[in-house]
Amino acid sequence: MSENKKRLIVVGDRVLIQAEAGEDRTKVGLYLPATAVDNQAVQGGTVVATGPGNAVSAPTEFGGEPWKVNSPEPRYVPLQARLGDYAIFFRSAAVEITFERTRYLVVPQAAILTLVREEDETDPSLLDF
C-alpha cells in the first residue's frame, strides 16, 4: 500500500517561516532560559512558502449583478515576501505549527517588518546600505 505524501499549502496573505534558533546566551555569556528567548518582540527566519496574497476582483466585475462571477480565475494582490527571503517579524503575530516533525511559524504579511533578499539588479525596491 502506498503512503500518501502530504503538502503544506499556505493560504491568503500568510507566510510560512522556518524560524532561526534564538540566541541562548547574552553577549557576556550568560545562558537564557527558553521563556526569555520566546518573549522577544521580534524574530527572524527564512521564508519557505507564501500564500497567493489577498483576493481582489476586477472593478468591471461589479456590474448590475455583483453576485455573478464573470471571471473563473481569482485575482490576487501578490505578497512582497519570496521564497528564500530572510524575514524579521513581530513574534506576537506568529502562530507556531509543527508539520512532519519540523517547526514553522505562520505569519501574516502585515506583521513582517523587513525582508533581507539576495541582490537582484532588476528590483528597484531594494536599498543599498
Protein backbone atom coordinates (compact mmCIF):
# COMPACT_ATOMS: atom_id res chain seq x y z
CA MET A 1 0.00 0.00 0.00
CA SER A 2 1.47 3.37 -0.99
CA GLU A 3 1.75 6.15 1.56
CA ASN A 4 0.18 9.46 0.52
CA LYS A 5 2.61 12.35 0.63
CA LYS A 6 1.30 15.43 2.43
CA ARG A 7 1.78 19.01 1.29
CA LEU A 8 1.51 22.14 3.37
CA ILE A 9 -0.40 24.85 1.46
CA VAL A 10 -0.23 28.41 2.74
CA VAL A 11 -3.39 30.45 2.16
CA GLY A 12 -4.22 34.13 1.83
CA ASP A 13 -1.65 36.71 2.88
CA ARG A 14 0.22 34.32 5.17
CA VAL A 15 3.91 33.49 5.02
CA LEU A 16 5.44 30.22 6.27
CA ILE A 17 8.74 30.85 8.02
CA GLN A 18 11.33 28.46 9.36
CA ALA A 19 12.47 30.29 12.45
CA GLU A 20 16.12 30.64 13.26
CA ALA A 21 17.27 29.33 16.58
CA GLY A 22 17.21 32.14 19.11
CA GLU A 23 20.28 33.26 20.96
CA ASP A 24 20.53 31.21 24.11
CA ARG A 25 23.31 33.35 25.59
CA THR A 26 23.74 37.03 26.34
CA LYS A 27 26.71 38.96 24.98
CA VAL A 28 28.60 38.35 28.22
CA GLY A 29 27.97 34.59 28.11
CA LEU A 30 25.03 34.09 30.48
CA TYR A 31 22.58 31.37 29.44
CA LEU A 32 18.99 32.48 28.82
CA PRO A 33 16.01 30.23 29.57
CA ALA A 34 13.74 29.30 26.65
CA THR A 35 10.98 31.54 28.03
CA ALA A 36 13.23 34.60 27.76
CA VAL A 37 14.14 33.79 24.16
CA ASP A 38 10.49 33.24 23.19
CA ASN A 39 9.37 36.56 24.68
CA GLN A 40 11.45 38.75 22.38
CA ALA A 41 9.40 41.33 20.46
CA VAL A 42 10.85 40.49 17.03
CA GLN A 43 12.24 37.34 15.49
CA GLY A 44 13.81 36.32 12.21
CA GLY A 45 13.63 33.34 9.92
CA THR A 46 13.71 32.09 6.34
CA VAL A 47 10.61 32.21 4.15
CA VAL A 48 9.84 28.68 2.93
CA ALA A 49 6.38 29.27 1.42
CA THR A 50 3.90 32.07 0.77
CA GLY A 51 0.19 32.26 0.17
CA PRO A 52 -1.18 33.70 -3.08
CA GLY A 53 -2.00 37.07 -1.50
CA ASN A 54 -5.24 38.92 -0.87
CA ALA A 55 -8.04 38.09 -3.28
CA VAL A 56 -9.49 41.01 -5.22
CA SER A 57 -11.95 41.30 -8.04
CA ALA A 58 -11.68 43.48 -11.09
CA PRO A 59 -13.78 46.68 -10.97
CA THR A 60 -15.51 45.66 -14.20
CA GLU A 61 -16.94 42.58 -12.46
CA PHE A 62 -19.25 44.73 -10.32
CA GLY A 63 -21.93 45.35 -12.90
CA GLY A 64 -25.61 45.36 -12.19
CA GLU A 65 -25.45 41.87 -10.72
CA PRO A 66 -22.46 41.63 -8.35
CA TRP A 67 -23.24 38.03 -7.38
CA LYS A 68 -22.41 36.84 -10.89
CA VAL A 69 -18.81 35.84 -11.40
CA ASN A 70 -17.57 36.76 -14.87
CA SER A 71 -14.01 35.53 -14.47
CA PRO A 72 -13.33 31.91 -13.47
CA GLU A 73 -9.80 32.72 -12.29
CA PRO A 74 -9.35 34.51 -8.95
CA ARG A 75 -7.03 37.52 -8.84
CA TYR A 76 -4.65 38.30 -6.02
CA VAL A 77 -2.55 41.19 -4.77
CA PRO A 78 0.85 39.42 -4.59
CA LEU A 79 2.92 39.28 -1.42
CA GLN A 80 6.27 41.02 -1.11
CA ALA A 81 7.89 38.04 0.60
CA ARG A 82 9.54 35.48 -1.68
CA LEU A 83 10.98 32.03 -1.11
CA GLY A 84 14.42 32.24 0.44
CA ASP A 85 13.98 35.75 1.89
CA TYR A 86 15.05 36.33 5.47
CA ALA A 87 12.11 37.95 7.29
CA ILE A 88 12.15 39.94 10.51
CA PHE A 89 8.67 39.96 12.03
CA PHE A 90 6.65 40.59 15.19
CA ARG A 91 6.83 37.43 17.28
CA SER A 92 3.42 38.10 18.85
CA ALA A 93 1.67 37.81 15.46
CA ALA A 94 3.23 34.44 14.62
CA VAL A 95 1.45 31.12 15.08
CA GLU A 96 3.71 28.14 15.69
CA ILE A 97 2.87 24.87 13.93
CA THR A 98 4.62 21.53 13.57
CA PHE A 99 4.39 19.73 10.25
CA GLU A 100 6.10 16.37 9.81
CA ARG A 101 8.28 16.97 12.88
CA THR A 102 9.50 20.36 11.64
CA ARG A 103 8.62 23.57 13.49
CA TYR A 104 7.35 26.51 11.41
CA LEU A 105 5.81 29.89 12.09
CA VAL A 106 2.82 31.18 10.12
CA VAL A 107 2.99 34.98 9.93
CA PRO A 108 0.61 37.43 8.24
CA GLN A 109 2.38 39.70 5.77
CA ALA A 110 1.33 42.75 7.81
CA ALA A 111 3.46 41.51 10.75
CA ILE A 112 6.66 41.37 8.68
CA LEU A 113 8.85 44.38 9.41
CA THR A 114 11.55 43.87 6.80
CA LEU A 115 12.89 41.34 4.32
CA VAL A 116 16.50 40.57 3.51
CA ARG A 117 16.94 39.32 -0.04
CA GLU A 118 19.84 38.45 -2.29
CA GLU A 119 20.57 41.40 -4.55
CA ASP A 120 18.51 41.50 -7.73
CA GLU A 121 19.56 44.30 -10.05
CA THR A 122 16.12 44.44 -11.66
CA ASP A 123 14.27 45.12 -8.38
CA PRO A 124 14.10 48.89 -7.73
CA SER A 125 12.63 48.43 -4.21
CA LEU A 126 15.94 47.20 -2.78
CA LEU A 127 18.08 49.68 -0.88
CA ASP A 128 21.85 49.55 -0.59
CA PHE A 129 23.27 50.43 2.82
